[in-house]
Structures are given as C-alpha cells and as structure tokens.
Amino acid sequence: MAKLHELRFDNTYARLPPAFYSKLAPTPLAEPHLVSFNPAAAELIGLDASEAERPEFVEAFGGKSLPRGAEPLAMLYAGHQFGAYVPQLGDGRAILLGEVRGPAGDKWDLHLKGSGPTPYSRGFDGRAVLRSTVREYLCGEALHGLGVPTTRALCIVGSSEPVVRERVESAAALVRLSPSHVRFGTFEVFHRRAQHAHVRQLADYVIGQHFPELSGLPDGHARFFSEVATRTARLIAMWQAHGFAHGVMNTDNMSILGLTIDYGPFGFIDDFDPGYVCNHSDYAGRYAFDQQPAVGLWNLTRLAEALSTLLAPEQIESALQLYPAAFANAYADLMRRKLGLREERPADAQLVARLLELLQRGHVDYPRFFRALGDFQEAPGATNETLRVMFDSPADFDAWAADYRARLSEERSEPAARKALMDSVNPKYVLRNYLAQNAITRAEGRDYSEIQRLLELLSDPFAEHPGMEDYAAPPPAWGRGLVLSCSS
C-alpha cells in the first residue's frame, strides 16, 4: 500500500481544453482535524490506512497543501433544476484534486467537497457543513453496502471555521471518490452554448475512459447513450426496491456512469409511503419516491437533447425505449428476490403490487417488514403472528399471505434456502435519517464515535450484528418522516 506522496495520479480530465473547467487551488480550512477515515475507500486507491494518522493527511485534504501530482480544478456543467434549465452551474463548492490509479489500474477521482469558492459558486461561500458531509459520507457507504452503484468517500476533515446556513455551523470537507464526476449537465452546458465540438470531445473522452470497447465504432455514440440509459434504469430500480429517495434528481446530479451521486436531502422510507418527499424544498413533490423512475427517463431525454448533434433521432428513440424495460426487469428481479422467489411467474408483479398497497394502507415499516418476511412460516395453518401484527387489518395480510404461500409452493420453496436468499437482499440495517442525525449531533460535540459505528454497521447491512439490534428499530417519534434541506 502506498504512502500519500506515492499515490499515482493520472489527470486525464485536466488534459481537456480549458473550456471544461477552471484551474484553482482549494481554500484551506481553518484548524483542520480528522473527523472520520474510511479504510475500505483507501484500499480502492491503494492508500496505506496509517497515513490518516499523519498531520500531512489532514493538511492535504483540508486544503492547506496538495498531494503530489494533483492538478486541482473545478468542473463546469449546467443542468435542469426542478425542471427549469439553469445555464451555468459547475463545482461551486468542490474541486477535483486529480485522478488516482488504484492497485488494479482503475481510475478514481479525488474530489474535495467543501473546498471553498470557485468561479461557479454564484456568490456563495463554497463550503460544506459538518452535517452534510456526515450524511453523504455515511450514505455513500450505506448504498455501497446494499450493492447500489454509488460514489464513495475517503474521509471527512472538520474545521473550527463558522459558516452560515439555516444557523451558524462548522465547515467541513469530504473527500469523494468516483470513477468519474461527469454528469448529464456536463453535456448540457456545451449543447446549450452551441459548442458542439466540445459535446463530441466530452463524449469521446467518457467513452475512451469508461467504455473503451466502443471507441472508434461507427455507432459508438449511440451505444454509449444506450448504456447510460440502461445503467440509469437499473440504478433507479435499486433505489425503488430498497426504499431510497434521492431527493434532488436534477440533471446536474445524474452521473453519466449510472452512479448515485450528490447526497443532499435523501431518505430511506420508514413507514411505506409511495409519495414520500424527503426534501422540504420540493413543494410540488417532483422528486417524490414514486416519481423517481419517471424523472430518470425525463432526465435521460434532456441528455438526449444534449447529444442530438451526435445521434440520429431514431438512435435517440431506440436508446430511450430501452429504459422502461430495463427498469421493469431490474425492479421485478429485485422484488422477487426480496420475496424469496427463485423463478419468474406472470402473476408476480400483481403479488408485489398488492403487498405494497397493504404496506401503504397499514403504514408498515418497509425495511423491517421485508427482513421479518424471511421468517415466514409456509406450513398450512401457520399464523405468522409477528408479521400480522404489523398491519392495521391483519385479515388483509392473511389473504395476501395465502397467495404468497401458494406461490412459494409452486416452486417447491425450501424455507432455509429461501431465508438465506431473502436475508442477502433485505437489509436489517439502513441509514434511517434519525440514525444519521444522532451521529451528526454527537459529531457537532466533537464525538465522532457514532460515525465510525454506523460506517462499520452499514458496510454489511445484511448481517445480524449481535448487540446492535437497536439500530434496526423503527424511528422514535421525532425521527419519523424527517424532511431535510439541500444543505443537509
């Protein structure tokens, strides 16, 4: 494993023309200190975990100094925010330090979020607050633990520097890792400026870096867009199956690689509610939980417009038509696995739909129900009382359970194997908002132990973790249905 100064940088994005970014150094944080370090993320870039104990580590990722080989820059992009096009956005509070080649030769952007003002800050301070960095740090690792494509995070660096949001808070910085930080909005800005050569250059760059098998093919751009559409569909299917609401699905928050990126007012569903809105700024519910699949397609249509100088109309239509089927197939497969079903049957979609309706009507805790369903008793006459009591009308559950039992019988389900399958896809632990808030409250008092505890727990959310059962409990009254701001 490498020391910090031995990391192998390969800054391909900095080789693009100056129109793609602004080069500048981060603004150092005042009195930086390490809040949390993620050894699993360090392994991705081949960094020796002991480096986090050195003062040089905090200085580098607190903005005071730069890792050797870094070429810091703020990326330009635009985007549709809540449906309206904003002509220039960009990294307003983040800087791409550079790209590090990991031990396997794969590339990881080191992105310092909370690094101070850039030309794209639009008059704001360019800082992140401790609570927002804690939430992104934990949720990226939580989704990774669930198997959902996502950015990762190496560490949080705290500071004594005050910043003003809804109240005065302390500044912090997050070191985010991703194979790429190119977004749908990165293409949009050049298309809207009629800089079509830059659109082509960006597409060729992304293909060369991340889809090299498509480089130079006559239909390479079309196949690239088809791959983005399919990856996006599968990603959002995973969000829906795991009860995850992103909260701000603007096109500038959509990864070109189909990763979950830019964690703000996210939320995992507690009591099942398809219309759950986790962002208190989303007055119209544009990004409600049940709207996410449709928004994904809408966002891809905006990306298609940005790529329209590279693609024929029929290529665009063909790629967009891949999305509904890719989403439906991925979601159906995940929900079958959540029910412990190994085989595909025509009536499965209706079985799932009926269950979700019951969960909504009974205000049933989504993750707890599916985890408990692994212990469903298939024997005729079994009452499954633990599950029944979750519903306002147990008789309604009984009717569904009879059909579920019959469905299991059709494929000769074996209870132990079924439970093992279900426990591998139905997490016992998710990052409920109240758990994140507890960690934030302690961190604001300089107690970072809860961050580390959650980091370890959520890295393997399917295991039992004896002694940690309280973290799987329903939220307390104050923690139910929390909605958050974009600065959260």
Protein backbone atom coordinates (compact mmCIF):
# COMPACT_ATOMS: atom_id res chain seq x y z
CA MET A 1 0.00 0.00 0.00
CA ALA A 2 1.21 3.49 -0.87
CA LYS A 3 2.01 6.49 1.25
CA LEU A 4 0.14 9.68 0.45
CA HIS A 5 3.01 11.12 -1.56
CA GLU A 6 3.31 7.87 -3.52
CA LEU A 7 -0.21 7.87 -4.96
CA ARG A 8 -0.19 7.52 -8.74
CA PHE A 9 -2.05 10.44 -10.30
CA ASP A 10 -3.21 10.34 -13.92
CA ASN A 11 -5.17 13.54 -14.50
CA THR A 12 -6.92 12.87 -17.80
CA TYR A 13 -9.69 15.43 -17.25
CA ALA A 14 -7.10 18.19 -16.88
CA ARG A 15 -5.92 17.37 -20.43
CA LEU A 16 -9.27 18.51 -21.87
CA PRO A 17 -9.49 22.11 -23.16
CA PRO A 18 -9.76 24.95 -20.60
CA ALA A 19 -13.44 25.44 -21.50
CA PHE A 20 -14.24 22.33 -19.45
CA TYR A 21 -13.02 23.65 -16.09
CA SER A 22 -11.31 26.35 -14.09
CA LYS A 23 -7.98 25.55 -12.52
CA LEU A 24 -7.58 26.76 -8.94
CA ALA A 25 -6.42 25.54 -5.55
CA PRO A 26 -8.73 24.87 -2.61
CA THR A 27 -9.19 27.46 0.13
CA PRO A 28 -7.69 25.92 3.30
CA LEU A 29 -9.98 25.09 6.18
CA ALA A 30 -9.25 26.79 9.50
CA GLU A 31 -7.76 24.44 12.10
CA PRO A 32 -8.48 21.24 10.19
CA HIS A 33 -8.79 17.94 12.03
CA LEU A 34 -9.78 14.41 11.04
CA VAL A 35 -13.39 13.54 11.76
CA SER A 36 -13.52 10.10 10.14
CA PHE A 37 -11.47 7.89 7.85
CA ASN A 38 -12.75 5.06 5.68
CA PRO A 39 -10.20 2.25 5.28
CA ALA A 40 -12.34 0.47 2.68
CA ALA A 41 -12.20 3.52 0.41
CA ALA A 42 -8.47 3.87 1.00
CA GLU A 43 -7.99 0.36 -0.38
CA LEU A 44 -9.57 1.43 -3.66
CA ILE A 45 -6.71 3.83 -4.33
CA GLY A 46 -4.03 1.72 -2.66
CA LEU A 47 -3.50 4.14 0.22
CA ASP A 48 -1.94 2.88 3.42
CA ALA A 49 -4.54 3.40 6.16
CA SER A 50 -1.85 4.51 8.60
CA GLU A 51 -1.42 7.66 6.51
CA ALA A 52 -4.61 9.04 8.07
CA GLU A 53 -2.74 9.37 11.36
CA ARG A 54 -0.18 11.77 9.90
CA PRO A 55 -0.66 15.55 10.04
CA GLU A 56 0.15 15.74 6.32
CA PHE A 57 -3.04 13.80 5.58
CA VAL A 58 -5.30 16.38 7.21
CA GLU A 59 -3.32 19.22 5.64
CA ALA A 60 -3.74 17.72 2.18
CA PHE A 61 -7.48 17.11 2.46
CA GLY A 62 -8.15 20.23 4.48
CA GLY A 63 -6.88 22.25 1.52
CA LYS A 64 -3.65 23.54 3.08
CA SER A 65 -1.37 21.51 0.84
CA LEU A 66 -1.90 19.30 -2.17
CA PRO A 67 -0.99 15.65 -2.70
CA ARG A 68 1.93 15.32 -5.05
CA GLY A 69 0.72 15.02 -8.62
CA ALA A 70 -2.65 16.69 -8.00
CA GLU A 71 -3.91 19.22 -10.56
CA PRO A 72 -6.89 20.88 -8.86
CA LEU A 73 -9.76 22.17 -10.96
CA ALA A 74 -13.44 22.99 -10.71
CA MET A 75 -15.58 21.31 -13.37
CA LEU A 76 -18.07 23.25 -15.49
CA TYR A 77 -21.59 21.97 -16.04
CA ALA A 78 -25.18 23.18 -16.23
CA GLY A 79 -28.46 21.40 -15.56
CA HIS A 80 -32.18 21.27 -15.16
CA GLN A 81 -33.09 22.02 -11.56
CA PHE A 82 -36.68 21.11 -10.62
CA GLY A 83 -37.48 21.09 -14.33
CA ALA A 84 -36.02 24.51 -15.22
CA TYR A 85 -32.77 24.89 -17.12
CA VAL A 86 -30.00 26.75 -15.26
CA PRO A 87 -27.37 27.78 -17.84
CA GLN A 88 -24.28 27.59 -15.66
CA LEU A 89 -23.66 25.61 -12.52
CA GLY A 90 -20.38 23.77 -12.04
CA ASP A 91 -18.39 22.81 -8.97
CA GLY A 92 -19.41 25.67 -6.72
CA ARG A 93 -18.07 24.11 -3.54
CA ALA A 94 -15.87 21.30 -4.76
CA ILE A 95 -12.56 20.79 -6.52
CA LEU A 96 -11.30 17.79 -8.44
CA LEU A 97 -7.85 17.29 -6.94
CA GLY A 98 -6.90 14.74 -9.56
CA GLU A 99 -7.30 11.14 -10.63
CA VAL A 100 -5.54 8.32 -8.82
CA ARG A 101 -4.82 4.95 -10.35
CA GLY A 102 -5.60 2.18 -7.88
CA PRO A 103 -3.70 -1.09 -7.47
CA ALA A 104 -5.85 -2.75 -10.13
CA GLY A 105 -5.25 0.07 -12.60
CA ASP A 106 -8.73 1.54 -12.21
CA LYS A 107 -9.12 5.32 -12.02
CA TRP A 108 -10.66 7.19 -9.08
CA ASP A 109 -11.34 10.92 -8.96
CA LEU A 110 -10.38 12.53 -5.66
CA HIS A 111 -12.97 15.25 -5.26
CA LEU A 112 -12.69 17.66 -2.33
CA LYS A 113 -16.21 18.81 -1.44
CA GLY A 114 -16.37 21.92 0.74
CA SER A 115 -13.12 23.34 -0.64
CA GLY A 116 -14.14 26.99 -0.81
CA PRO A 117 -15.38 29.35 -3.54
CA THR A 118 -14.83 28.73 -7.24
CA PRO A 119 -15.87 30.67 -10.35
CA TYR A 120 -19.11 28.65 -10.22
CA SER A 121 -20.09 29.44 -6.62
CA ARG A 122 -22.62 32.11 -7.67
CA GLY A 123 -21.70 34.33 -4.75
CA PHE A 124 -21.80 31.64 -2.08
CA ASP A 125 -19.01 30.61 0.29
CA GLY A 126 -18.14 27.31 -1.35
CA ARG A 127 -18.14 25.48 1.96
CA ALA A 128 -19.88 22.34 3.16
CA VAL A 129 -21.10 21.97 6.73
CA LEU A 130 -20.33 19.10 9.04
CA ARG A 131 -23.85 17.66 8.93
CA SER A 132 -23.94 17.47 5.13
CA THR A 133 -20.55 15.79 4.94
CA VAL A 134 -21.53 13.24 7.59
CA ARG A 135 -24.72 12.38 5.72
CA GLU A 136 -23.00 11.96 2.35
CA TYR A 137 -20.11 10.04 3.87
CA LEU A 138 -22.42 7.56 5.57
CA CYS A 139 -24.97 7.20 2.79
CA GLY A 140 -22.44 6.52 0.07
CA GLU A 141 -21.08 3.66 2.13
CA ALA A 142 -24.60 2.51 3.11
CA LEU A 143 -25.69 2.22 -0.52
CA HIS A 144 -22.43 0.51 -1.42
CA GLY A 145 -23.15 -1.99 1.35
CA LEU A 146 -26.53 -2.64 -0.26
CA GLY A 147 -24.89 -3.23 -3.63
CA VAL A 148 -26.18 0.00 -5.19
CA PRO A 149 -23.76 1.82 -7.55
CA THR A 150 -22.53 4.96 -5.81
CA THR A 151 -19.71 7.35 -5.22
CA ARG A 152 -17.57 6.53 -2.19
CA ALA A 153 -15.88 8.68 0.44
CA LEU A 154 -12.36 8.54 1.83
CA CYS A 155 -12.63 10.83 4.82
CA ILE A 156 -14.18 13.85 6.50
CA VAL A 157 -11.99 16.74 7.61
CA GLY A 158 -13.56 19.06 10.19
CA SER A 159 -12.78 22.67 11.00
CA SER A 160 -13.37 25.45 13.50
CA GLU A 161 -14.42 27.74 10.65
CA PRO A 162 -18.01 29.03 11.05
CA VAL A 163 -20.41 29.04 8.10
CA VAL A 164 -23.98 30.23 7.95
CA ARG A 165 -26.81 28.05 6.65
CA GLU A 166 -30.13 27.88 8.50
CA ARG A 167 -27.90 28.55 11.51
CA VAL A 168 -24.20 29.05 12.19
CA GLU A 169 -22.40 25.73 11.74
CA SER A 170 -18.86 24.49 11.38
CA ALA A 171 -17.28 23.93 7.98
CA ALA A 172 -16.04 20.51 6.90
CA ALA A 173 -14.74 18.84 3.77
CA LEU A 174 -15.45 15.44 2.27
CA VAL A 175 -13.06 13.59 0.00
CA ARG A 176 -15.31 11.86 -2.50
CA LEU A 177 -14.13 9.03 -4.74
CA SER A 178 -15.72 8.22 -8.08
CA PRO A 179 -14.54 6.78 -11.39
CA SER A 180 -15.91 9.98 -12.93
CA HIS A 181 -17.72 13.16 -11.91
CA VAL A 182 -19.08 13.83 -15.40
CA ARG A 183 -22.83 14.45 -15.23
CA PHE A 184 -25.72 14.78 -17.63
CA GLY A 185 -25.34 18.52 -17.08
CA THR A 186 -21.73 18.46 -18.28
CA PHE A 187 -23.05 17.67 -21.75
CA GLU A 188 -25.96 20.08 -21.43
CA VAL A 189 -23.84 23.19 -20.89
CA PHE A 190 -21.93 22.75 -24.16
CA HIS A 191 -25.01 21.80 -26.15
CA ARG A 192 -26.91 24.85 -24.92
CA ARG A 193 -23.95 27.05 -25.81
CA ALA A 194 -23.88 25.51 -29.30
CA GLN A 195 -20.34 24.30 -28.62
CA HIS A 196 -20.97 21.05 -30.42
CA ALA A 197 -17.30 20.21 -30.87
CA HIS A 198 -17.00 20.15 -27.08
CA VAL A 199 -20.01 17.83 -26.82
CA ARG A 200 -18.27 15.41 -29.16
CA GLN A 201 -14.96 15.79 -27.36
CA LEU A 202 -16.62 15.10 -23.99
CA ALA A 203 -18.48 12.07 -25.34
CA ASP A 204 -15.29 10.68 -26.86
CA TYR A 205 -13.44 11.32 -23.61
CA VAL A 206 -16.03 9.48 -21.50
CA ILE A 207 -16.15 6.61 -23.98
CA GLY A 208 -12.37 6.35 -24.05
CA GLN A 209 -12.08 6.37 -20.29
CA HIS A 210 -15.07 4.24 -19.28
CA PHE A 211 -16.40 2.44 -22.37
CA PRO A 212 -13.21 1.76 -24.36
CA GLU A 213 -14.82 -1.12 -26.21
CA LEU A 214 -16.98 1.48 -28.02
CA SER A 215 -14.11 3.75 -29.09
CA GLY A 216 -13.92 4.29 -32.83
CA LEU A 217 -17.07 2.31 -33.64
CA PRO A 218 -19.41 3.86 -36.23
CA ASP A 219 -22.29 3.60 -33.77
CA GLY A 220 -20.16 4.21 -30.67
CA HIS A 221 -22.04 7.31 -29.54
CA ALA A 222 -25.40 5.60 -29.90
CA ARG A 223 -24.26 2.54 -27.99
CA PHE A 224 -22.79 4.82 -25.32
CA PHE A 225 -26.14 6.57 -24.81
CA SER A 226 -27.93 3.23 -24.72
CA GLU A 227 -25.56 2.07 -21.99
CA VAL A 228 -26.19 5.24 -19.96
CA ALA A 229 -29.95 4.74 -20.30
CA THR A 230 -29.74 1.13 -19.17
CA ARG A 231 -27.44 1.86 -16.24
CA THR A 232 -29.67 4.69 -15.08
CA ALA A 233 -32.75 2.46 -15.24
CA ARG A 234 -31.08 -0.27 -13.20
CA LEU A 235 -29.82 2.23 -10.64
CA ILE A 236 -33.26 3.70 -10.02
CA ALA A 237 -34.77 0.21 -9.85
CA MET A 238 -32.38 -0.47 -6.98
CA TRP A 239 -33.41 2.78 -5.27
CA GLN A 240 -37.06 1.76 -5.51
CA ALA A 241 -36.53 -1.78 -4.28
CA HIS A 242 -34.52 -0.60 -1.27
CA GLY A 243 -36.88 2.26 -0.45
CA PHE A 244 -34.33 5.01 -1.12
CA ALA A 245 -35.36 8.54 -2.09
CA HIS A 246 -32.60 10.71 -3.54
CA GLY A 247 -34.43 13.99 -3.07
CA VAL A 248 -32.81 16.17 -5.75
CA MET A 249 -32.73 14.40 -9.11
CA ASN A 250 -31.66 17.45 -11.08
CA THR A 251 -29.76 16.64 -14.26
CA ASP A 252 -26.56 18.02 -12.73
CA ASN A 253 -26.95 15.35 -10.03
CA MET A 254 -27.13 12.48 -12.54
CA SER A 255 -23.92 10.53 -13.11
CA ILE A 256 -23.04 9.60 -16.68
CA LEU A 257 -21.92 6.22 -15.28
CA GLY A 258 -25.20 5.43 -13.54
CA LEU A 259 -23.91 6.05 -10.02
CA THR A 260 -25.71 7.59 -7.07
CA ILE A 261 -24.11 10.99 -6.67
CA ASP A 262 -24.63 14.24 -4.72
CA TYR A 263 -26.31 13.23 -1.49
CA GLY A 264 -28.44 16.03 -0.07
CA PRO A 265 -31.88 15.61 1.49
CA PHE A 266 -32.06 11.85 0.86
CA GLY A 267 -34.13 9.46 2.92
CA PHE A 268 -34.83 5.77 3.32
CA ILE A 269 -38.54 5.07 3.69
CA ASP A 270 -39.70 4.15 7.18
CA ASP A 271 -43.47 3.59 7.08
CA PHE A 272 -44.16 2.79 3.44
CA ASP A 273 -45.46 5.78 1.55
CA PRO A 274 -45.03 5.89 -2.25
CA GLY A 275 -45.47 9.68 -2.21
CA TYR A 276 -42.68 10.22 0.32
CA VAL A 277 -40.90 13.55 -0.22
CA CYS A 278 -37.64 13.91 1.71
CA ASN A 279 -36.73 17.43 0.52
CA HIS A 280 -38.63 20.27 2.21
CA SER A 281 -37.87 22.49 -0.80
CA ASP A 282 -39.74 20.12 -3.13
CA TYR A 283 -43.15 21.71 -2.62
CA ALA A 284 -44.72 20.05 -5.66
CA GLY A 285 -43.32 16.59 -4.94
CA ARG A 286 -41.41 16.47 -8.22
CA TYR A 287 -38.83 14.16 -6.69
CA ALA A 288 -41.17 12.09 -4.52
CA PHE A 289 -40.18 8.46 -4.11
CA ASP A 290 -42.73 7.15 -6.60
CA GLN A 291 -41.77 9.77 -9.19
CA GLN A 292 -38.12 8.72 -9.41
CA PRO A 293 -38.49 6.23 -12.29
CA ALA A 294 -40.30 8.80 -14.46
CA VAL A 295 -37.80 11.52 -13.56
CA GLY A 296 -34.96 9.24 -14.59
CA LEU A 297 -36.45 8.97 -18.07
CA TRP A 298 -37.13 12.71 -18.21
CA ASN A 299 -33.51 13.40 -17.32
CA LEU A 300 -32.30 10.98 -19.98
CA THR A 301 -34.43 12.83 -22.50
CA ARG A 302 -32.60 16.04 -21.57
CA LEU A 303 -29.30 14.21 -22.04
CA ALA A 304 -30.55 13.01 -25.42
CA GLU A 305 -31.13 16.61 -26.43
CA ALA A 306 -27.56 17.43 -25.43
CA LEU A 307 -26.30 14.54 -27.58
CA SER A 308 -28.58 15.32 -30.52
CA THR A 309 -25.72 16.58 -32.69
CA LEU A 310 -24.05 13.16 -32.35
CA LEU A 311 -27.08 10.90 -32.69
CA ALA A 312 -29.80 10.39 -35.26
CA PRO A 313 -33.39 10.77 -33.99
CA GLU A 314 -34.01 7.04 -34.40
CA GLN A 315 -30.90 6.26 -32.31
CA ILE A 316 -32.17 8.52 -29.55
CA GLU A 317 -35.61 6.95 -29.64
CA SER A 318 -34.17 3.44 -29.62
CA ALA A 319 -32.00 4.17 -26.59
CA LEU A 320 -34.80 5.85 -24.64
CA GLN A 321 -37.06 2.88 -25.34
CA LEU A 322 -34.57 0.67 -23.51
CA TYR A 323 -35.24 2.46 -20.24
CA PRO A 324 -38.76 1.22 -19.32
CA ALA A 325 -37.95 -2.43 -19.92
CA ALA A 326 -34.56 -2.22 -18.21
CA PHE A 327 -36.15 -0.59 -15.18
CA ALA A 328 -39.08 -3.02 -15.04
CA ASN A 329 -36.88 -6.09 -15.41
CA ALA A 330 -34.38 -4.97 -12.78
CA TYR A 331 -37.10 -3.97 -10.33
CA ALA A 332 -39.06 -7.18 -10.84
CA ASP A 333 -35.93 -9.26 -10.30
CA LEU A 334 -35.06 -7.42 -7.09
CA MET A 335 -38.59 -7.67 -5.71
CA ARG A 336 -38.75 -11.39 -6.48
CA ARG A 337 -35.54 -11.85 -4.55
CA LYS A 338 -36.91 -9.75 -1.68
CA LEU A 339 -39.84 -12.21 -1.58
CA GLY A 340 -37.52 -15.20 -1.78
CA LEU A 341 -38.75 -16.27 -5.22
CA ARG A 342 -36.27 -18.02 -7.46
CA GLU A 343 -38.43 -18.37 -10.57
CA GLU A 344 -40.22 -15.80 -12.69
CA ARG A 345 -44.01 -16.12 -12.96
CA PRO A 346 -46.54 -13.88 -14.77
CA ALA A 347 -48.52 -13.09 -11.62
CA ASP A 348 -45.51 -11.92 -9.60
CA ALA A 349 -45.98 -8.25 -10.44
CA GLN A 350 -49.52 -8.35 -9.08
CA LEU A 351 -48.35 -10.13 -5.93
CA VAL A 352 -45.80 -7.35 -5.33
CA ALA A 353 -48.29 -4.59 -6.12
CA ARG A 354 -50.85 -5.99 -3.69
CA LEU A 355 -48.24 -6.21 -0.96
CA LEU A 356 -47.07 -2.63 -1.45
CA GLU A 357 -50.69 -1.46 -1.29
CA LEU A 358 -51.10 -3.28 2.02
CA LEU A 359 -47.87 -1.79 3.37
CA GLN A 360 -49.05 1.69 2.42
CA ARG A 361 -52.53 1.23 3.86
CA GLY A 362 -51.15 -0.13 7.12
CA HIS A 363 -48.25 2.36 7.41
CA VAL A 364 -45.93 -0.63 7.76
CA ASP A 365 -42.21 -0.14 8.24
CA TYR A 366 -40.70 -1.08 4.87
CA PRO A 367 -37.25 -2.46 5.81
CA ARG A 368 -38.47 -4.18 8.98
CA PHE A 369 -41.30 -5.95 7.18
CA PHE A 370 -39.13 -7.38 4.42
CA ARG A 371 -36.47 -8.50 6.87
CA ALA A 372 -39.12 -10.21 9.00
CA LEU A 373 -40.68 -11.83 5.93
CA GLY A 374 -37.64 -14.09 5.73
CA ASP A 375 -39.08 -15.94 8.73
CA PHE A 376 -42.44 -16.52 7.04
CA GLN A 377 -43.87 -19.90 8.03
CA GLU A 378 -45.01 -21.81 4.96
CA ALA A 379 -46.80 -24.64 6.74
CA PRO A 380 -50.60 -24.70 6.28
CA GLY A 381 -52.29 -23.13 9.28
CA ALA A 382 -49.22 -21.13 10.37
CA THR A 383 -50.41 -17.71 11.58
CA ASN A 384 -47.19 -15.70 11.11
CA GLU A 385 -48.26 -13.54 14.00
CA THR A 386 -45.07 -11.46 14.00
CA LEU A 387 -45.95 -10.23 10.53
CA ARG A 388 -49.72 -9.97 11.07
CA VAL A 389 -49.41 -7.50 13.95
CA MET A 390 -47.60 -5.03 11.71
CA PHE A 391 -50.87 -4.37 9.85
CA ASP A 392 -53.92 -2.39 10.91
CA SER A 393 -56.02 -5.12 9.33
CA PRO A 394 -54.33 -8.49 9.88
CA ALA A 395 -57.05 -10.16 7.81
CA ASP A 396 -55.84 -8.29 4.74
CA PHE A 397 -52.36 -9.63 5.32
CA ASP A 398 -53.76 -13.14 5.78
CA ALA A 399 -55.35 -13.02 2.34
CA TRP A 400 -52.09 -11.93 0.74
CA ALA A 401 -50.12 -14.47 2.78
CA ALA A 402 -52.30 -17.29 1.48
CA ASP A 403 -51.42 -16.38 -2.09
CA TYR A 404 -47.77 -15.93 -1.16
CA ARG A 405 -47.73 -19.37 0.46
CA ALA A 406 -49.24 -20.87 -2.68
CA ARG A 407 -46.64 -19.08 -4.82
CA LEU A 408 -43.82 -20.48 -2.70
CA SER A 409 -45.32 -23.93 -3.02
CA GLU A 410 -45.37 -23.65 -6.82
CA GLU A 411 -41.59 -23.60 -6.94
CA ARG A 412 -41.16 -26.03 -4.05
CA SER A 413 -39.52 -23.43 -1.85
CA GLU A 414 -37.21 -24.71 0.87
CA PRO A 415 -37.51 -22.44 3.95
CA ALA A 416 -33.85 -22.32 4.96
CA ALA A 417 -32.63 -21.58 1.43
CA ARG A 418 -35.38 -19.02 0.95
CA LYS A 419 -34.48 -17.22 4.17
CA ALA A 420 -30.81 -17.15 3.18
CA LEU A 421 -31.74 -15.61 -0.17
CA MET A 422 -34.04 -13.04 1.44
CA ASP A 423 -31.58 -12.07 4.14
CA SER A 424 -28.99 -11.41 1.42
CA VAL A 425 -31.18 -8.77 -0.23
CA ASN A 426 -33.36 -7.46 2.64
CA PRO A 427 -31.08 -5.44 4.92
CA LYS A 428 -31.51 -5.48 8.64
CA TYR A 429 -29.91 -2.04 8.86
CA VAL A 430 -30.44 1.02 6.67
CA LEU A 431 -29.35 4.60 7.19
CA ARG A 432 -32.58 5.98 8.56
CA ASN A 433 -32.49 9.76 8.88
CA TYR A 434 -32.72 9.66 12.64
CA LEU A 435 -29.60 7.48 12.83
CA ALA A 436 -27.70 9.97 10.69
CA GLN A 437 -28.98 12.81 12.85
CA ASN A 438 -27.80 11.10 16.03
CA ALA A 439 -24.33 10.79 14.53
CA ILE A 440 -24.39 14.44 13.45
CA THR A 441 -25.49 15.66 16.88
CA ARG A 442 -22.62 13.82 18.54
CA ALA A 443 -20.14 14.96 15.90
CA GLU A 444 -21.09 18.59 16.47
CA GLY A 445 -19.95 17.98 20.05
CA ARG A 446 -16.63 16.50 18.78
CA ASP A 447 -17.70 12.91 19.49
CA TYR A 448 -17.14 11.03 16.23
CA SER A 449 -17.65 7.51 17.57
CA GLU A 450 -21.17 7.18 16.19
CA ILE A 451 -19.97 7.95 12.67
CA GLN A 452 -17.48 5.11 12.87
CA ARG A 453 -20.04 2.77 14.40
CA LEU A 454 -22.52 3.41 11.59
CA LEU A 455 -19.80 3.17 8.97
CA GLU A 456 -18.94 -0.33 10.14
CA LEU A 457 -22.56 -1.41 10.61
CA LEU A 458 -23.76 -0.19 7.22
CA SER A 459 -20.85 -1.67 5.34
CA ASP A 460 -22.51 -5.06 5.95
CA PRO A 461 -26.21 -4.28 6.43
CA PHE A 462 -27.41 -7.84 5.84
CA ALA A 463 -25.57 -9.39 8.80
CA GLU A 464 -27.20 -9.73 12.20
CA HIS A 465 -24.53 -7.82 14.17
CA PRO A 466 -25.43 -9.13 17.66
CA GLY A 467 -25.78 -6.34 20.20
CA MET A 468 -26.66 -3.76 17.54
CA GLU A 469 -30.37 -4.57 17.28
CA ASP A 470 -31.41 -1.10 18.43
CA TYR A 471 -30.09 0.26 15.14
CA ALA A 472 -32.73 -1.81 13.31
CA ALA A 473 -35.59 -0.41 15.41
CA PRO A 474 -38.29 1.85 13.99
CA PRO A 475 -37.54 5.56 14.38
CA PRO A 476 -38.62 7.40 17.50
CA ALA A 477 -41.49 9.86 17.20
CA TRP A 478 -39.15 12.78 16.47
CA GLY A 479 -37.38 10.82 13.75
CA ARG A 480 -40.41 9.78 11.69
CA GLY A 481 -40.88 11.28 8.25
CA LEU A 482 -37.98 13.70 8.53
CA VAL A 483 -37.62 16.09 5.61
CA LEU A 484 -34.40 17.94 5.03
CA SER A 485 -32.95 20.84 3.10
CA CYS A 486 -30.45 20.75 0.23
CA SER A 487 -27.76 21.88 2.69
CA SER A 488 -28.44 18.86 4.89
